[in-house]
PDB file of N, CA and C in Angstrom:
ATOM      1  N   MET A   1      11.280  29.153   2.704  1.00  0.00           N
ATOM      2  CA  MET A   1       9.625  29.130   3.451  1.00  0.00           C
ATOM      3  C   MET A   1       9.983  27.257   3.435  1.00  0.00           C
ATOM      4  N   LYS A   2       8.716  26.908   4.475  1.00  0.00           N
ATOM      5  CA  LYS A   2       8.725  25.677   4.738  1.00  0.00           C
ATOM      6  C   LYS A   2       8.106  25.174   3.620  1.00  0.00           C
ATOM      7  N   LYS A   3       8.143  23.296   2.921  1.00  0.00           N
ATOM      8  CA  LYS A   3       7.070  22.890   2.361  1.00  0.00           C
ATOM      9  C   LYS A   3       5.929  22.214   3.205  1.00  0.00           C
ATOM     10  N   ARG A   4       4.901  21.954   2.809  1.00  0.00           N
ATOM     11  CA  ARG A   4       4.047  21.462   3.666  1.00  0.00           C
ATOM     12  C   ARG A   4       4.087  20.310   3.010  1.00  0.00           C
ATOM     13  N   SER A   5       2.816  18.752   3.411  1.00  0.00           N
ATOM     14  CA  SER A   5       3.220  18.121   2.751  1.00  0.00           C
ATOM     15  C   SER A   5       1.708  17.945   2.224  1.00  0.00           C
ATOM     16  N   ASN A   6       1.385  17.063   1.169  1.00  0.00           N
ATOM     17  CA  ASN A   6      -0.053  16.805   0.621  1.00  0.00           C
ATOM     18  C   ASN A   6      -0.932  15.975   1.600  1.00  0.00           C
ATOM     19  N   MET A   7      -0.582  15.128   2.751  1.00  0.00           N
ATOM     20  CA  MET A   7      -0.257  14.131   3.419  1.00  0.00           C
ATOM     21  C   MET A   7      -1.456  14.678   4.214  1.00  0.00           C
ATOM     22  N   THR A   8      -2.320  13.878   5.158  1.00  0.00           N
ATOM     23  CA  THR A   8      -3.127  13.851   6.593  1.00  0.00           C
ATOM     24  C   THR A   8      -2.275  13.397   6.928  1.00  0.00           C
ATOM     25  N   ALA A   9      -2.764  14.148   8.581  1.00  0.00           N
ATOM     26  CA  ALA A   9      -2.332  13.556   9.927  1.00  0.00           C
ATOM     27  C   ALA A   9      -2.335  11.755   9.762  1.00  0.00           C
ATOM     28  N   ALA A  10      -1.194  11.229  10.238  1.00  0.00           N
ATOM     29  CA  ALA A  10      -1.457  10.032  10.772  1.00  0.00           C
ATOM     30  C   ALA A  10      -2.206   9.263  11.679  1.00  0.00           C
ATOM     31  N   THR A  11      -3.229  10.247  12.163  1.00  0.00           N
ATOM     32  CA  THR A  11      -3.962   9.918  13.088  1.00  0.00           C
ATOM     33  C   THR A  11      -5.225   8.932  13.119  1.00  0.00           C
ATOM     34  N   ASP A  12      -5.241   8.769  11.619  1.00  0.00           N
ATOM     35  CA  ASP A  12      -6.394   8.183  11.553  1.00  0.00           C
ATOM     36  C   ASP A  12      -6.513   6.551  10.947  1.00  0.00           C
ATOM     37  N   ALA A  13      -4.602   6.272  10.887  1.00  0.00           N
ATOM     38  CA  ALA A  13      -3.984   5.062  10.409  1.00  0.00           C
ATOM     39  C   ALA A  13      -2.558   5.098  11.115  1.00  0.00           C
ATOM     40  N   TYR A  14      -2.520   3.463  10.595  1.00  0.00           N
ATOM     41  CA  TYR A  14      -0.666   2.900  10.793  1.00  0.00           C
ATOM     42  C   TYR A  14       0.421   2.420   9.888  1.00  0.00           C
ATOM     43  N   VAL A  15       0.994   3.408  10.105  1.00  0.00           N
ATOM     44  CA  VAL A  15       2.232   2.753   9.299  1.00  0.00           C
ATOM     45  C   VAL A  15       3.550   1.587   8.919  1.00  0.00           C
ATOM     46  N   SER A  16       3.380   0.610   8.943  1.00  0.00           N
ATOM     47  CA  SER A  16       5.200  -0.237   8.932  1.00  0.00           C
ATOM     48  C   SER A  16       5.581  -0.443   7.786  1.00  0.00           C
ATOM     49  N   ALA A  17       6.620  -0.717   7.716  1.00  0.00           N
ATOM     50  CA  ALA A  17       7.439  -1.776   6.791  1.00  0.00           C
ATOM     51  C   ALA A  17       6.961  -2.998   6.291  1.00  0.00           C
ATOM     52  N   GLY A  18       6.402  -3.690   7.342  1.00  0.00           N
ATOM     53  CA  GLY A  18       5.621  -4.792   6.843  1.00  0.00           C
ATOM     54  C   GLY A  18       6.914  -6.001   6.820  1.00  0.00           C
ATOM     55  N   MET A  19       6.973  -7.298   6.523  1.00  0.00           N
ATOM     56  CA  MET A  19       8.141  -8.004   7.397  1.00  0.00           C
ATOM     57  C   MET A  19       8.737  -8.739   5.410  1.00  0.00           C
ATOM     58  N   LYS A  20      10.040  -9.622   6.174  1.00  0.00           N
ATOM     59  CA  LYS A  20      10.632  -9.756   5.472  1.00  0.00           C
ATOM     60  C   LYS A  20      10.249 -10.854   4.578  1.00  0.00           C
ATOM     61  N   CYS A  21      10.137 -10.523   3.174  1.00  0.00           N
ATOM     62  CA  CYS A  21       9.680 -12.223   2.768  1.00  0.00           C
ATOM     63  C   CYS A  21      10.928 -12.545   1.940  1.00  0.00           C
ATOM     64  N   GLU A  22      11.099 -14.022   1.996  1.00  0.00           N
ATOM     65  CA  GLU A  22      12.170 -15.019   1.691  1.00  0.00           C
ATOM     66  C   GLU A  22      12.038 -15.029   0.074  1.00  0.00           C
ATOM     67  N   PHE A  23      10.884 -14.829  -0.579  1.00  0.00           N
ATOM     68  CA  PHE A  23      10.571 -15.155  -1.746  1.00  0.00           C
ATOM     69  C   PHE A  23      10.132 -14.405  -3.086  1.00  0.00           C
ATOM     70  N   ILE A  24      10.323 -14.036  -4.605  1.00  0.00           N
ATOM     71  CA  ILE A  24      10.196 -13.486  -5.296  1.00  0.00           C
ATOM     72  C   ILE A  24       8.974 -13.569  -5.069  1.00  0.00           C
ATOM     73  N   GLN A  25       8.131 -11.680  -5.116  1.00  0.00           N
ATOM     74  CA  GLN A  25       6.830 -11.569  -5.452  1.00  0.00           C
ATOM     75  C   GLN A  25       6.540 -10.406  -6.429  1.00  0.00           C
ATOM     76  N   GLU A  26       5.418 -10.600  -7.644  1.00  0.00           N
ATOM     77  CA  GLU A  26       5.510  -9.594  -8.568  1.00  0.00           C
ATOM     78  C   GLU A  26       4.134  -8.892  -8.346  1.00  0.00           C
ATOM     79  N   VAL A  27       4.218  -7.829  -9.275  1.00  0.00           N
ATOM     80  CA  VAL A  27       2.767  -7.243  -9.234  1.00  0.00           C
ATOM     81  C   VAL A  27       2.619  -7.370 -10.563  1.00  0.00           C
ATOM     82  N   VAL A  28       1.160  -7.972 -10.701  1.00  0.00           N
ATOM     83  CA  VAL A  28       0.556  -7.664 -12.162  1.00  0.00           C
ATOM     84  C   VAL A  28      -0.882  -7.238 -12.613  1.00  0.00           C
ATOM     85  N   ALA A  29      -0.690  -6.794 -13.581  1.00  0.00           N
ATOM     86  CA  ALA A  29      -1.763  -6.316 -14.294  1.00  0.00           C
ATOM     87  C   ALA A  29      -3.157  -7.917 -15.037  1.00  0.00           C
ATOM     88  N   ILE A  30      -4.495  -8.188 -14.210  1.00  0.00           N
ATOM     89  CA  ILE A  30      -4.629  -9.154 -15.028  1.00  0.00           C
ATOM     90  C   ILE A  30      -5.827  -8.682 -15.953  1.00  0.00           C
ATOM     91  N   ASN A  31      -5.994  -8.924 -16.854  1.00  0.00           N
ATOM     92  CA  ASN A  31      -7.264  -8.551 -17.899  1.00  0.00           C
ATOM     93  C   ASN A  31      -7.725  -9.701 -18.208  1.00  0.00           C
ATOM     94  N   THR A  32      -9.407 -10.002 -17.510  1.00  0.00           N
ATOM     95  CA  THR A  32     -10.309 -11.213 -17.520  1.00  0.00           C
ATOM     96  C   THR A  32     -10.859 -10.937 -18.686  1.00  0.00           C
ATOM     97  N   ARG A  33     -11.013  -9.958 -19.478  1.00  0.00           N
ATOM     98  CA  ARG A  33     -12.304  -9.978 -20.285  1.00  0.00           C
ATOM     99  C   ARG A  33     -11.097 -10.151 -21.441  1.00  0.00           C
ATOM    100  N   GLU A  34      -9.983 -10.203 -21.715  1.00  0.00           N
ATOM    101  CA  GLU A  34      -9.322 -10.564 -22.991  1.00  0.00           C
ATOM    102  C   GLU A  34      -8.134 -11.973 -22.734  1.00  0.00           C
ATOM    103  N   LYS A  35      -8.356 -12.499 -20.976  1.00  0.00           N
ATOM    104  CA  LYS A  35      -7.823 -13.583 -20.519  1.00  0.00           C
ATOM    105  C   LYS A  35      -6.441 -13.258 -20.660  1.00  0.00           C
ATOM    106  N   HIS A  36      -5.451 -12.545 -20.287  1.00  0.00           N
ATOM    107  CA  HIS A  36      -3.990 -12.397 -20.472  1.00  0.00           C
ATOM    108  C   HIS A  36      -3.880 -11.285 -19.055  1.00  0.00           C
ATOM    109  N   PHE A  37      -2.135 -10.972 -18.807  1.00  0.00           N
ATOM    110  CA  PHE A  37      -1.971 -10.974 -17.681  1.00  0.00           C
ATOM    111  C   PHE A  37      -0.674  -9.793 -18.253  1.00  0.00           C
ATOM    112  N   CYS A  38       0.031  -8.941 -17.764  1.00  0.00           N
ATOM    113  CA  CYS A  38       1.216  -8.228 -17.732  1.00  0.00           C
ATOM    114  C   CYS A  38       1.785  -7.957 -16.186  1.00  0.00           C
ATOM    115  N   SER A  39       3.108  -9.002 -16.429  1.00  0.00           N
ATOM    116  CA  SER A  39       4.106  -7.776 -15.530  1.00  0.00           C
ATOM    117  C   SER A  39       4.219  -7.371 -15.201  1.00  0.00           C
ATOM    118  N   LEU A  40       4.233  -6.228 -14.157  1.00  0.00           N
ATOM    119  CA  LEU A  40       4.678  -5.012 -14.078  1.00  0.00           C
ATOM    120  C   LEU A  40       5.858  -4.750 -13.062  1.00  0.00           C
ATOM    121  N   GLY A  41       6.247  -5.811 -12.617  1.00  0.00           N
ATOM    122  CA  GLY A  41       8.032  -5.829 -12.236  1.00  0.00           C
ATOM    123  C   GLY A  41       8.000  -6.506 -10.886  1.00  0.00           C
ATOM    124  N   LYS A  42       9.062  -6.576 -10.060  1.00  0.00           N
ATOM    125  CA  LYS A  42       9.357  -7.441  -8.656  1.00  0.00           C
ATOM    126  C   LYS A  42       8.907  -6.656  -7.621  1.00  0.00           C
ATOM    127  N   ILE A  43       8.424  -6.604  -6.543  1.00  0.00           N
ATOM    128  CA  ILE A  43       8.199  -5.804  -5.499  1.00  0.00           C
ATOM    129  C   ILE A  43       9.245  -6.010  -4.884  1.00  0.00           C
ATOM    130  N   LYS A  44       9.969  -4.628  -4.358  1.00  0.00           N
ATOM    131  CA  LYS A  44      11.140  -4.570  -3.888  1.00  0.00           C
ATOM    132  C   LYS A  44      11.501  -4.441  -2.577  1.00  0.00           C
ATOM    133  N   LYS A  45      10.456  -3.305  -1.916  1.00  0.00           N
ATOM    134  CA  LYS A  45       9.993  -2.846  -0.645  1.00  0.00           C
ATOM    135  C   LYS A  45       8.338  -3.230  -0.453  1.00  0.00           C
ATOM    136  N   HIS A  46       8.271  -3.451   1.292  1.00  0.00           N
ATOM    137  CA  HIS A  46       6.819  -3.398   1.046  1.00  0.00           C
ATOM    138  C   HIS A  46       6.473  -1.729   2.269  1.00  0.00           C
ATOM    139  N   LEU A  47       4.776  -2.010   2.219  1.00  0.00           N
ATOM    140  CA  LEU A  47       4.293  -0.622   3.019  1.00  0.00           C
ATOM    141  C   LEU A  47       3.357  -1.228   3.274  1.00  0.00           C
ATOM    142  N   ILE A  48       2.540  -1.451   4.522  1.00  0.00           N
ATOM    143  CA  ILE A  48       1.652  -1.490   5.361  1.00  0.00           C
ATOM    144  C   ILE A  48       1.209  -0.334   5.517  1.00  0.00           C
ATOM    145  N   GLY A  49      -0.220  -0.506   5.162  1.00  0.00           N
ATOM    146  CA  GLY A  49      -1.330   0.921   5.849  1.00  0.00           C
ATOM    147  C   GLY A  49      -2.044   0.316   6.530  1.00  0.00           C
ATOM    148  N   THR A  50      -2.632   0.658   7.692  1.00  0.00           N
ATOM    149  CA  THR A  50      -3.774  -0.212   8.314  1.00  0.00           C
ATOM    150  C   THR A  50      -4.552   0.973   8.886  1.00  0.00           C
ATOM    151  N   THR A  51      -5.576   1.127   8.596  1.00  0.00           N
ATOM    152  CA  THR A  51      -6.994   2.345   9.079  1.00  0.00           C
ATOM    153  C   THR A  51      -7.192   2.004  10.591  1.00  0.00           C
ATOM    154  N   ASP A  52      -7.245   3.004  11.161  1.00  0.00           N
ATOM    155  CA  ASP A  52      -8.054   2.892  12.779  1.00  0.00           C
ATOM    156  C   ASP A  52      -9.292   3.404  12.536  1.00  0.00           C
ATOM    157  N   ILE A  53      -9.846   2.006  12.022  1.00  0.00           N
ATOM    158  CA  ILE A  53     -11.413   1.626  12.295  1.00  0.00           C
ATOM    159  C   ILE A  53     -12.180   2.673  13.188  1.00  0.00           C
ATOM    160  N   ASP A  54     -11.725   2.255  14.526  1.00  0.00           N
ATOM    161  CA  ASP A  54     -12.963   3.250  15.825  1.00  0.00           C
ATOM    162  C   ASP A  54     -12.042   4.376  15.717  1.00  0.00           C
ATOM    163  N   ASN A  55     -11.344   4.866  15.390  1.00  0.00           N
ATOM    164  CA  ASN A  55     -11.645   6.425  14.955  1.00  0.00           C
ATOM    165  C   ASN A  55     -12.157   6.662  14.332  1.00  0.00           C
ATOM    166  N   LEU A  56     -12.262   7.045  13.197  1.00  0.00           N
ATOM    167  CA  LEU A  56     -13.111   6.663  11.923  1.00  0.00           C
ATOM    168  C   LEU A  56     -14.808   6.737  12.733  1.00  0.00           C
ATOM    169  N   LEU A  57     -14.941   5.676  12.950  1.00  0.00           N
ATOM    170  CA  LEU A  57     -16.574   5.627  13.547  1.00  0.00           C
ATOM    171  C   LEU A  57     -17.204   6.550  14.650  1.00  0.00           C
ATOM    172  N   ASP A  58     -15.901   7.135  14.997  1.00  0.00           N
ATOM    173  CA  ASP A  58     -15.951   7.650  16.316  1.00  0.00           C
ATOM    174  C   ASP A  58     -16.568   9.398  15.716  1.00  0.00           C
ATOM    175  N   LYS A  59     -16.380   9.387  14.395  1.00  0.00           N
ATOM    176  CA  LYS A  59     -16.301  10.605  13.771  1.00  0.00           C
ATOM    177  C   LYS A  59     -17.432  11.451  13.463  1.00  0.00           C
TER     178      LYS A  59
END
């Protein structure tokens, strides 16, 4: 039996791997109420998703 993906068809969006980055980037969670942050780790790979707004507005 063939597995089905939960993802919808990519007709309304474009996906790319992004640009190679020469410096270290980190993801952080910022708590503005208590005024502190927590590092969640370094970014190793990028994924850029862009919605096709024109296609969405035509629906």
